[in-house]
Structures are given as structure tokens and as C-alpha cells.
């Protein structure tokens, strides 16, 4: 009788990352090619126009929801800055990048990849916002929702970090995890309710976030947990 192979969680994560990436690419292609009509401000063209217009018809600009997501975005950026400072501190103290904690180096690479995806869609716009928020800026790229990607990627990977896992009080640890999930979910919901994105922008942000998080988790298990 053959011995069962040990569960390889990192491999499963890589497969899920690939699936989410494929779905995000398919969605992007659909937006660029299917039902593209000038339904946006200044007659900007939007893909999957029928779907996006039908949903947008029930949404109006909500300043409160918009402002809350802005502050949650600042909180996510603060987390990134905190880990960047921790990495720099370790680099200065230990005098070698090879001596910086591996989970911080991996997290830095994850954040760098997140930034690269954001910059790519900033320079290669797929859709523009359903409204002009700043007259001076004019039309702004809105696919995928960068706030969705930022909040989901940062807050859902934060509980994986050893600094958080070392919290001995389980109630406090559970509360921290709950807050992280709540911040991520709240950003997604309020970003949609705020009316500053098409529905496909939010969906695209979630799919890309899933691809990045599963990819990160796969490397985390493989390099940090050795699973």
C-alpha cells in the first residue's frame, strides 16, 4: 500500500493564484472588447456597458463612503511604511540584506508587485471613472479599483506576519484578525457604494487581489513555513 503524499498547501495556493490571474485577464479582455460604449463622462468608452450602466443607475456619489475608504487607504499605506521601516532598521543593524528577516523580504516583494500592478493600469487605462472627481485631473483610470487591491492585499496578509502571530492573548489576536478582515471588507463595500467605480472595477480589483494573495501565501508557506 502506497504512502499518502503530505498535503502541499503552497502548491494549492499557486494553482489558485493562477486561476484568479486567468479570470482577471479574461475579465480585462471582456471589458476591452465586449459591449464597449461611450457611457462614461465626456463620452469615455466603458466595456460591458450594459452591466455597468444598469448597476451604476442605482448608485450616486456618496462623499462619506468615499472619505472613509480614503482613510482606510491611508491606514493600509501606514502598514506598508511600518514594515518598510522595520526592514530598513534590520538592514542597518545587521549590515546585510541577507540577514533581514525572510518574511519581511518576502512581504517587501509582495508590496513591490502590488505597486507594479497599480502602475501598469495607471499607464494602461482600461476604464475611466463613472464621474470626474477633480476637474483639474479630468478623466481618471478606474480599473481595477486600486483601493480595493490595496486594502485587501495589505489587511488580509497582515495577520500572517510573525509580529501579529506572536500576540499571546488569543482574544487580542482574534480581535486584530477580525479588524483586518473588517477593514478589507469595508473598503470593498464602501468603494462600491461611493459610486466612484464601475462594478467591473471592483470585481477586477478582487480577482487581482486574490491572485496576488494566493501567490504570496504560496511563497510564504514554501519559504517561511516550509510547507
C-alpha atoms as a PDB file:
ATOM      1  CA  UNK A   1       0.000   0.000   0.000  1.00  0.00           C
ATOM      2  CA  UNK A   2       1.494   3.298  -1.122  1.00  0.00           C
ATOM      3  CA  UNK A   3       2.005   6.027   1.455  1.00  0.00           C
ATOM      4  CA  UNK A   4      -0.179   9.103   1.020  1.00  0.00           C
ATOM      5  CA  UNK A   5       1.687  12.218  -0.032  1.00  0.00           C
ATOM      6  CA  UNK A   6       1.788  15.050   2.535  1.00  0.00           C
ATOM      7  CA  UNK A   7      -0.574  17.947   1.922  1.00  0.00           C
ATOM      8  CA  UNK A   8       1.218  20.630  -0.087  1.00  0.00           C
ATOM      9  CA  UNK A   9      -0.548  23.887   0.719  1.00  0.00           C
ATOM     10  CA  UNK A  10       1.897  26.058  -1.227  1.00  0.00           C
ATOM     11  CA  UNK A  11       1.139  24.139  -4.442  1.00  0.00           C
ATOM     12  CA  UNK A  12      -2.602  24.603  -3.929  1.00  0.00           C
ATOM     13  CA  UNK A  13      -2.030  28.325  -3.376  1.00  0.00           C
ATOM     14  CA  UNK A  14      -0.041  28.632  -6.606  1.00  0.00           C
ATOM     15  CA  UNK A  15      -2.835  26.878  -8.521  1.00  0.00           C
ATOM     16  CA  UNK A  16      -5.460  29.195  -7.014  1.00  0.00           C
ATOM     17  CA  UNK A  17      -3.259  32.208  -7.829  1.00  0.00           C
ATOM     18  CA  UNK A  18      -3.039  31.086 -11.452  1.00  0.00           C
ATOM     19  CA  UNK A  19      -6.828  30.582 -11.641  1.00  0.00           C
ATOM     20  CA  UNK A  20      -7.518  34.048 -10.208  1.00  0.00           C
ATOM     21  CA  UNK A  21      -4.960  35.592 -12.581  1.00  0.00           C
ATOM     22  CA  UNK A  22      -6.586  33.900 -15.592  1.00  0.00           C
ATOM     23  CA  UNK A  23     -10.028  35.118 -14.515  1.00  0.00           C
ATOM     24  CA  UNK A  24      -8.724  38.674 -14.109  1.00  0.00           C
ATOM     25  CA  UNK A  25      -7.177  38.540 -17.596  1.00  0.00           C
ATOM     26  CA  UNK A  26     -10.427  37.201 -19.080  1.00  0.00           C
ATOM     27  CA  UNK A  27     -12.392  39.985 -17.374  1.00  0.00           C
ATOM     28  CA  UNK A  28      -9.965  42.602 -18.698  1.00  0.00           C
ATOM     29  CA  UNK A  29     -10.301  41.254 -22.249  1.00  0.00           C
ATOM     30  CA  UNK A  30     -14.102  41.261 -21.956  1.00  0.00           C
ATOM     31  CA  UNK A  31     -14.086  44.876 -20.772  1.00  0.00           C
ATOM     32  CA  UNK A  32     -11.872  45.881 -23.699  1.00  0.00           C
ATOM     33  CA  UNK A  33     -13.885  44.060 -26.353  1.00  0.00           C
ATOM     34  CA  UNK A  34     -17.493  43.380 -25.304  1.00  0.00           C
ATOM     35  CA  UNK A  35     -20.304  45.955 -25.335  1.00  0.00           C
ATOM     36  CA  UNK A  36     -17.937  48.919 -25.365  1.00  0.00           C
ATOM     37  CA  UNK A  37     -19.986  52.131 -25.413  1.00  0.00           C
ATOM     38  CA  UNK A  38     -19.454  55.820 -24.516  1.00  0.00           C
ATOM     39  CA  UNK A  39     -21.472  55.824 -21.283  1.00  0.00           C
ATOM     40  CA  UNK A  40     -18.840  57.490 -19.115  1.00  0.00           C
ATOM     41  CA  UNK A  41     -18.185  61.204 -18.504  1.00  0.00           C
ATOM     42  CA  UNK A  42     -17.018  63.131 -21.568  1.00  0.00           C
ATOM     43  CA  UNK A  43     -18.307  60.167 -23.608  1.00  0.00           C
ATOM     44  CA  UNK A  44     -15.498  57.938 -22.371  1.00  0.00           C
ATOM     45  CA  UNK A  45     -15.972  54.355 -23.518  1.00  0.00           C
ATOM     46  CA  UNK A  46     -16.727  51.625 -20.997  1.00  0.00           C
ATOM     47  CA  UNK A  47     -16.668  47.874 -21.562  1.00  0.00           C
ATOM     48  CA  UNK A  48     -19.551  45.626 -20.537  1.00  0.00           C
ATOM     49  CA  UNK A  49     -21.542  48.847 -20.706  1.00  0.00           C
ATOM     50  CA  UNK A  50     -24.967  47.287 -20.229  1.00  0.00           C
ATOM     51  CA  UNK A  51     -23.985  45.611 -16.964  1.00  0.00           C
ATOM     52  CA  UNK A  52     -22.041  48.577 -15.638  1.00  0.00           C
ATOM     53  CA  UNK A  53     -24.706  51.120 -16.594  1.00  0.00           C
ATOM     54  CA  UNK A  54     -27.524  49.067 -15.044  1.00  0.00           C
ATOM     55  CA  UNK A  55     -25.701  48.870 -11.711  1.00  0.00           C
ATOM     56  CA  UNK A  56     -24.447  52.473 -11.819  1.00  0.00           C
ATOM     57  CA  UNK A  57     -28.040  53.695 -12.325  1.00  0.00           C
ATOM     58  CA  UNK A  58     -28.770  52.715  -8.710  1.00  0.00           C
ATOM     59  CA  UNK A  59     -25.664  54.363  -7.277  1.00  0.00           C
ATOM     60  CA  UNK A  60     -24.917  58.002  -6.544  1.00  0.00           C
ATOM     61  CA  UNK A  61     -21.807  59.714  -5.269  1.00  0.00           C
ATOM     62  CA  UNK A  62     -21.531  59.178  -1.522  1.00  0.00           C
ATOM     63  CA  UNK A  63     -18.951  61.539  -0.046  1.00  0.00           C
ATOM     64  CA  UNK A  64     -18.968  59.874   3.382  1.00  0.00           C
ATOM     65  CA  UNK A  65     -18.284  56.413   1.947  1.00  0.00           C
ATOM     66  CA  UNK A  66     -15.615  57.880  -0.312  1.00  0.00           C
ATOM     67  CA  UNK A  67     -13.866  59.638   2.578  1.00  0.00           C
ATOM     68  CA  UNK A  68     -13.926  56.527   4.775  1.00  0.00           C
ATOM     69  CA  UNK A  69     -12.238  54.474   2.038  1.00  0.00           C
ATOM     70  CA  UNK A  70      -9.621  57.195   1.666  1.00  0.00           C
ATOM     71  CA  UNK A  71      -8.745  56.944   5.366  1.00  0.00           C
ATOM     72  CA  UNK A  72      -8.696  53.150   5.204  1.00  0.00           C
ATOM     73  CA  UNK A  73      -6.315  53.521   2.284  1.00  0.00           C
ATOM     74  CA  UNK A  74      -4.051  55.691   4.435  1.00  0.00           C
ATOM     75  CA  UNK A  75      -4.155  53.001   7.147  1.00  0.00           C
ATOM     76  CA  UNK A  76      -3.063  50.367   4.606  1.00  0.00           C
ATOM     77  CA  UNK A  77      -0.225  52.605   3.417  1.00  0.00           C
ATOM     78  CA  UNK A  78       0.811  53.094   7.073  1.00  0.00           C
ATOM     79  CA  UNK A  79       1.183  49.320   7.415  1.00  0.00           C
ATOM     80  CA  UNK A  80       3.409  49.232   4.329  1.00  0.00           C
ATOM     81  CA  UNK A  81       5.532  52.107   5.640  1.00  0.00           C
ATOM     82  CA  UNK A  82       5.844  50.424   9.046  1.00  0.00           C
ATOM     83  CA  UNK A  83       7.217  47.210   7.530  1.00  0.00           C
ATOM     84  CA  UNK A  84       9.481  49.195   5.211  1.00  0.00           C
ATOM     85  CA  UNK A  85      10.932  50.997   8.236  1.00  0.00           C
ATOM     86  CA  UNK A  86      11.331  47.690  10.085  1.00  0.00           C
ATOM     87  CA  UNK A  87      13.208  46.240   7.115  1.00  0.00           C
ATOM     88  CA  UNK A  88      15.483  49.278   6.864  1.00  0.00           C
ATOM     89  CA  UNK A  89      16.128  49.125  10.619  1.00  0.00           C
ATOM     90  CA  UNK A  90      17.140  45.457  10.394  1.00  0.00           C
ATOM     91  CA  UNK A  91      19.311  46.174   7.354  1.00  0.00           C
ATOM     92  CA  UNK A  92      21.182  48.932   9.206  1.00  0.00           C
ATOM     93  CA  UNK A  93      21.585  46.887  12.393  1.00  0.00           C
ATOM     94  CA  UNK A  94      22.593  43.631  10.697  1.00  0.00           C
ATOM     95  CA  UNK A  95      24.561  45.239   7.845  1.00  0.00           C
ATOM     96  CA  UNK A  96      23.406  42.760   5.210  1.00  0.00           C
ATOM     97  CA  UNK A  97      20.155  42.320   3.248  1.00  0.00           C
ATOM     98  CA  UNK A  98      20.605  38.564   3.657  1.00  0.00           C
ATOM     99  CA  UNK A  99      20.211  38.974   7.422  1.00  0.00           C
ATOM    100  CA  UNK A 100      16.891  40.795   7.201  1.00  0.00           C
ATOM    101  CA  UNK A 101      14.038  38.524   8.300  1.00  0.00           C
ATOM    102  CA  UNK A 102      12.859  36.458   5.368  1.00  0.00           C
ATOM    103  CA  UNK A 103       9.191  37.240   5.940  1.00  0.00           C
ATOM    104  CA  UNK A 104       9.951  40.970   5.690  1.00  0.00           C
ATOM    105  CA  UNK A 105      11.874  40.492   2.436  1.00  0.00           C
ATOM    106  CA  UNK A 106       9.008  38.410   1.056  1.00  0.00           C
ATOM    107  CA  UNK A 107       6.460  40.987   2.165  1.00  0.00           C
ATOM    108  CA  UNK A 108       8.538  43.721   0.530  1.00  0.00           C
ATOM    109  CA  UNK A 109       8.494  41.795  -2.737  1.00  0.00           C
ATOM    110  CA  UNK A 110       4.720  41.365  -2.408  1.00  0.00           C
ATOM    111  CA  UNK A 111       4.204  45.085  -1.879  1.00  0.00           C
ATOM    112  CA  UNK A 112       6.509  45.853  -4.822  1.00  0.00           C
ATOM    113  CA  UNK A 113       4.442  43.557  -7.061  1.00  0.00           C
ATOM    114  CA  UNK A 114       1.256  45.258  -5.866  1.00  0.00           C
ATOM    115  CA  UNK A 115       2.773  48.639  -6.766  1.00  0.00           C
ATOM    116  CA  UNK A 116       3.823  47.335 -10.197  1.00  0.00           C
ATOM    117  CA  UNK A 117       0.264  46.165 -10.954  1.00  0.00           C
ATOM    118  CA  UNK A 118      -1.113  49.544  -9.850  1.00  0.00           C
ATOM    119  CA  UNK A 119       1.337  51.488 -12.034  1.00  0.00           C
ATOM    120  CA  UNK A 120       0.656  49.243 -15.035  1.00  0.00           C
ATOM    121  CA  UNK A 121      -3.066  50.011 -15.001  1.00  0.00           C
ATOM    122  CA  UNK A 122      -2.389  53.698 -14.354  1.00  0.00           C
ATOM    123  CA  UNK A 123      -0.378  53.910 -17.572  1.00  0.00           C
ATOM    124  CA  UNK A 124      -2.591  51.467 -19.498  1.00  0.00           C
ATOM    125  CA  UNK A 125      -6.149  52.577 -18.611  1.00  0.00           C
ATOM    126  CA  UNK A 126      -8.918  50.053 -19.242  1.00  0.00           C
ATOM    127  CA  UNK A 127     -11.890  52.046 -17.950  1.00  0.00           C
ATOM    128  CA  UNK A 128     -12.321  55.571 -16.642  1.00  0.00           C
ATOM    129  CA  UNK A 129     -14.280  56.531 -13.536  1.00  0.00           C
ATOM    130  CA  UNK A 130     -18.067  56.941 -13.864  1.00  0.00           C
ATOM    131  CA  UNK A 131     -17.624  60.520 -12.638  1.00  0.00           C
ATOM    132  CA  UNK A 132     -14.966  63.215 -12.614  1.00  0.00           C
ATOM    133  CA  UNK A 133     -13.814  63.788  -9.040  1.00  0.00           C
ATOM    134  CA  UNK A 134     -11.272  66.500  -9.822  1.00  0.00           C
ATOM    135  CA  UNK A 135     -11.886  68.881 -12.719  1.00  0.00           C
ATOM    136  CA  UNK A 136      -8.167  69.625 -12.972  1.00  0.00           C
ATOM    137  CA  UNK A 137      -7.323  65.924 -13.328  1.00  0.00           C
ATOM    138  CA  UNK A 138     -10.204  65.156 -15.668  1.00  0.00           C
ATOM    139  CA  UNK A 139     -10.768  61.513 -16.550  1.00  0.00           C
ATOM    140  CA  UNK A 140      -9.052  59.060 -14.188  1.00  0.00           C
ATOM    141  CA  UNK A 141      -8.300  55.380 -14.707  1.00  0.00           C
ATOM    142  CA  UNK A 142     -10.585  53.255 -12.540  1.00  0.00           C
ATOM    143  CA  UNK A 143      -9.893  49.620 -13.476  1.00  0.00           C
ATOM    144  CA  UNK A 144      -9.093  47.816 -11.305  1.00  0.00           C
ATOM    145  CA  UNK A 145     -10.087  49.566  -8.088  1.00  0.00           C
ATOM    146  CA  UNK A 146      -6.720  50.428  -6.529  1.00  0.00           C
ATOM    147  CA  UNK A 147      -8.282  50.985  -3.095  1.00  0.00           C
ATOM    148  CA  UNK A 148      -9.789  47.502  -3.256  1.00  0.00           C
ATOM    149  CA  UNK A 149      -6.432  45.958  -4.157  1.00  0.00           C
ATOM    150  CA  UNK A 150      -4.556  47.954  -1.518  1.00  0.00           C
ATOM    151  CA  UNK A 151      -6.926  47.188   1.350  1.00  0.00           C
ATOM    152  CA  UNK A 152      -7.499  43.529   0.521  1.00  0.00           C
ATOM    153  CA  UNK A 153      -3.822  42.760  -0.113  1.00  0.00           C
ATOM    154  CA  UNK A 154      -2.461  44.636   2.903  1.00  0.00           C
ATOM    155  CA  UNK A 155      -5.080  43.853   5.543  1.00  0.00           C
ATOM    156  CA  UNK A 156      -5.558  40.172   4.652  1.00  0.00           C
ATOM    157  CA  UNK A 157      -1.824  39.430   4.692  1.00  0.00           C
ATOM    158  CA  UNK A 158      -1.164  41.323   7.925  1.00  0.00           C
ATOM    159  CA  UNK A 159      -2.441  38.531  10.247  1.00  0.00           C
ATOM    160  CA  UNK A 160       0.049  36.130   8.592  1.00  0.00           C
ATOM    161  CA  UNK A 161       3.028  38.108   9.874  1.00  0.00           C
ATOM    162  CA  UNK A 162       5.026  36.693  12.817  1.00  0.00           C
ATOM    163  CA  UNK A 163       4.744  40.011  14.674  1.00  0.00           C
ATOM    164  CA  UNK A 164       0.966  39.521  14.778  1.00  0.00           C
ATOM    165  CA  UNK A 165       1.091  35.755  15.374  1.00  0.00           C
ATOM    166  CA  UNK A 166       3.279  36.308  18.437  1.00  0.00           C
ATOM    167  CA  UNK A 167       0.407  38.015  20.260  1.00  0.00           C
ATOM    168  CA  UNK A 168      -0.044  35.627  23.208  1.00  0.00           C
ATOM    169  CA  UNK A 169      -3.537  36.703  24.206  1.00  0.00           C
ATOM    170  CA  UNK A 170      -5.777  34.767  21.805  1.00  0.00           C
ATOM    171  CA  UNK A 171      -8.656  37.191  22.246  1.00  0.00           C
ATOM    172  CA  UNK A 172      -6.460  40.102  21.235  1.00  0.00           C
ATOM    173  CA  UNK A 173      -5.084  38.121  18.285  1.00  0.00           C
ATOM    174  CA  UNK A 174      -8.616  37.208  17.171  1.00  0.00           C
ATOM    175  CA  UNK A 175      -9.689  40.831  17.525  1.00  0.00           C
ATOM    176  CA  UNK A 176      -6.743  42.018  15.383  1.00  0.00           C
ATOM    177  CA  UNK A 177      -7.602  39.474  12.683  1.00  0.00           C
ATOM    178  CA  UNK A 178     -11.265  40.495  12.793  1.00  0.00           C
ATOM    179  CA  UNK A 179     -10.357  44.169  12.418  1.00  0.00           C
ATOM    180  CA  UNK A 180      -8.133  43.388   9.431  1.00  0.00           C
ATOM    181  CA  UNK A 181     -10.902  41.436   7.697  1.00  0.00           C
ATOM    182  CA  UNK A 182     -13.414  44.153   8.550  1.00  0.00           C
ATOM    183  CA  UNK A 183     -11.175  46.890   7.117  1.00  0.00           C
ATOM    184  CA  UNK A 184     -10.720  44.937   3.887  1.00  0.00           C
ATOM    185  CA  UNK A 185     -14.428  44.142   3.512  1.00  0.00           C
ATOM    186  CA  UNK A 186     -15.482  47.666   4.463  1.00  0.00           C
ATOM    187  CA  UNK A 187     -13.201  49.168   1.835  1.00  0.00           C
ATOM    188  CA  UNK A 188     -14.635  46.940  -0.893  1.00  0.00           C
ATOM    189  CA  UNK A 189     -18.264  47.615   0.046  1.00  0.00           C
ATOM    190  CA  UNK A 190     -17.875  51.346   0.628  1.00  0.00           C
ATOM    191  CA  UNK A 191     -15.793  51.824  -2.511  1.00  0.00           C
ATOM    192  CA  UNK A 192     -18.689  50.325  -4.451  1.00  0.00           C
ATOM    193  CA  UNK A 193     -21.344  52.294  -2.546  1.00  0.00           C
ATOM    194  CA  UNK A 194     -19.385  55.529  -3.015  1.00  0.00           C
ATOM    195  CA  UNK A 195     -20.212  55.400  -6.734  1.00  0.00           C
ATOM    196  CA  UNK A 196     -16.678  56.208  -7.871  1.00  0.00           C
ATOM    197  CA  UNK A 197     -16.147  52.879  -9.659  1.00  0.00           C
ATOM    198  CA  UNK A 198     -17.922  50.719 -12.178  1.00  0.00           C
ATOM    199  CA  UNK A 199     -18.925  47.300 -10.851  1.00  0.00           C
ATOM    200  CA  UNK A 200     -16.314  45.601 -13.033  1.00  0.00           C
ATOM    201  CA  UNK A 201     -13.613  47.781 -11.434  1.00  0.00           C
ATOM    202  CA  UNK A 202     -14.406  46.280  -8.028  1.00  0.00           C
ATOM    203  CA  UNK A 203     -14.606  42.733  -9.400  1.00  0.00           C
ATOM    204  CA  UNK A 204     -11.298  43.197 -11.208  1.00  0.00           C
ATOM    205  CA  UNK A 205      -9.668  44.502  -8.039  1.00  0.00           C
ATOM    206  CA  UNK A 206     -10.875  41.468  -6.084  1.00  0.00           C
ATOM    207  CA  UNK A 207      -9.660  38.983  -8.703  1.00  0.00           C
ATOM    208  CA  UNK A 208      -6.218  40.567  -8.952  1.00  0.00           C
ATOM    209  CA  UNK A 209      -6.001  40.764  -5.156  1.00  0.00           C
ATOM    210  CA  UNK A 210      -6.864  37.065  -4.909  1.00  0.00           C
ATOM    211  CA  UNK A 211      -4.135  36.212  -7.433  1.00  0.00           C
ATOM    212  CA  UNK A 212      -1.542  38.256  -5.531  1.00  0.00           C
ATOM    213  CA  UNK A 213      -2.521  36.965  -2.089  1.00  0.00           C
ATOM    214  CA  UNK A 214      -2.536  33.299  -3.132  1.00  0.00           C
ATOM    215  CA  UNK A 215       0.824  33.815  -4.840  1.00  0.00           C
ATOM    216  CA  UNK A 216       2.197  35.430  -1.679  1.00  0.00           C
ATOM    217  CA  UNK A 217       0.741  32.711   0.538  1.00  0.00           C
ATOM    218  CA  UNK A 218       2.263  30.034  -1.665  1.00  0.00           C
ATOM    219  CA  UNK A 219       5.746  31.519  -1.310  1.00  0.00           C
ATOM    220  CA  UNK A 220       5.143  32.184   2.395  1.00  0.00           C
ATOM    221  CA  UNK A 221       4.334  28.530   3.016  1.00  0.00           C
ATOM    222  CA  UNK A 222       7.214  27.362   0.843  1.00  0.00           C
ATOM    223  CA  UNK A 223       9.928  29.704   2.127  1.00  0.00           C
ATOM    224  CA  UNK A 224       8.820  30.632   5.647  1.00  0.00           C
ATOM    225  CA  UNK A 225       6.734  27.703   6.890  1.00  0.00           C
ATOM    226  CA  UNK A 226       8.478  25.131   4.654  1.00  0.00           C
ATOM    227  CA  UNK A 227       5.136  23.524   3.790  1.00  0.00           C
END
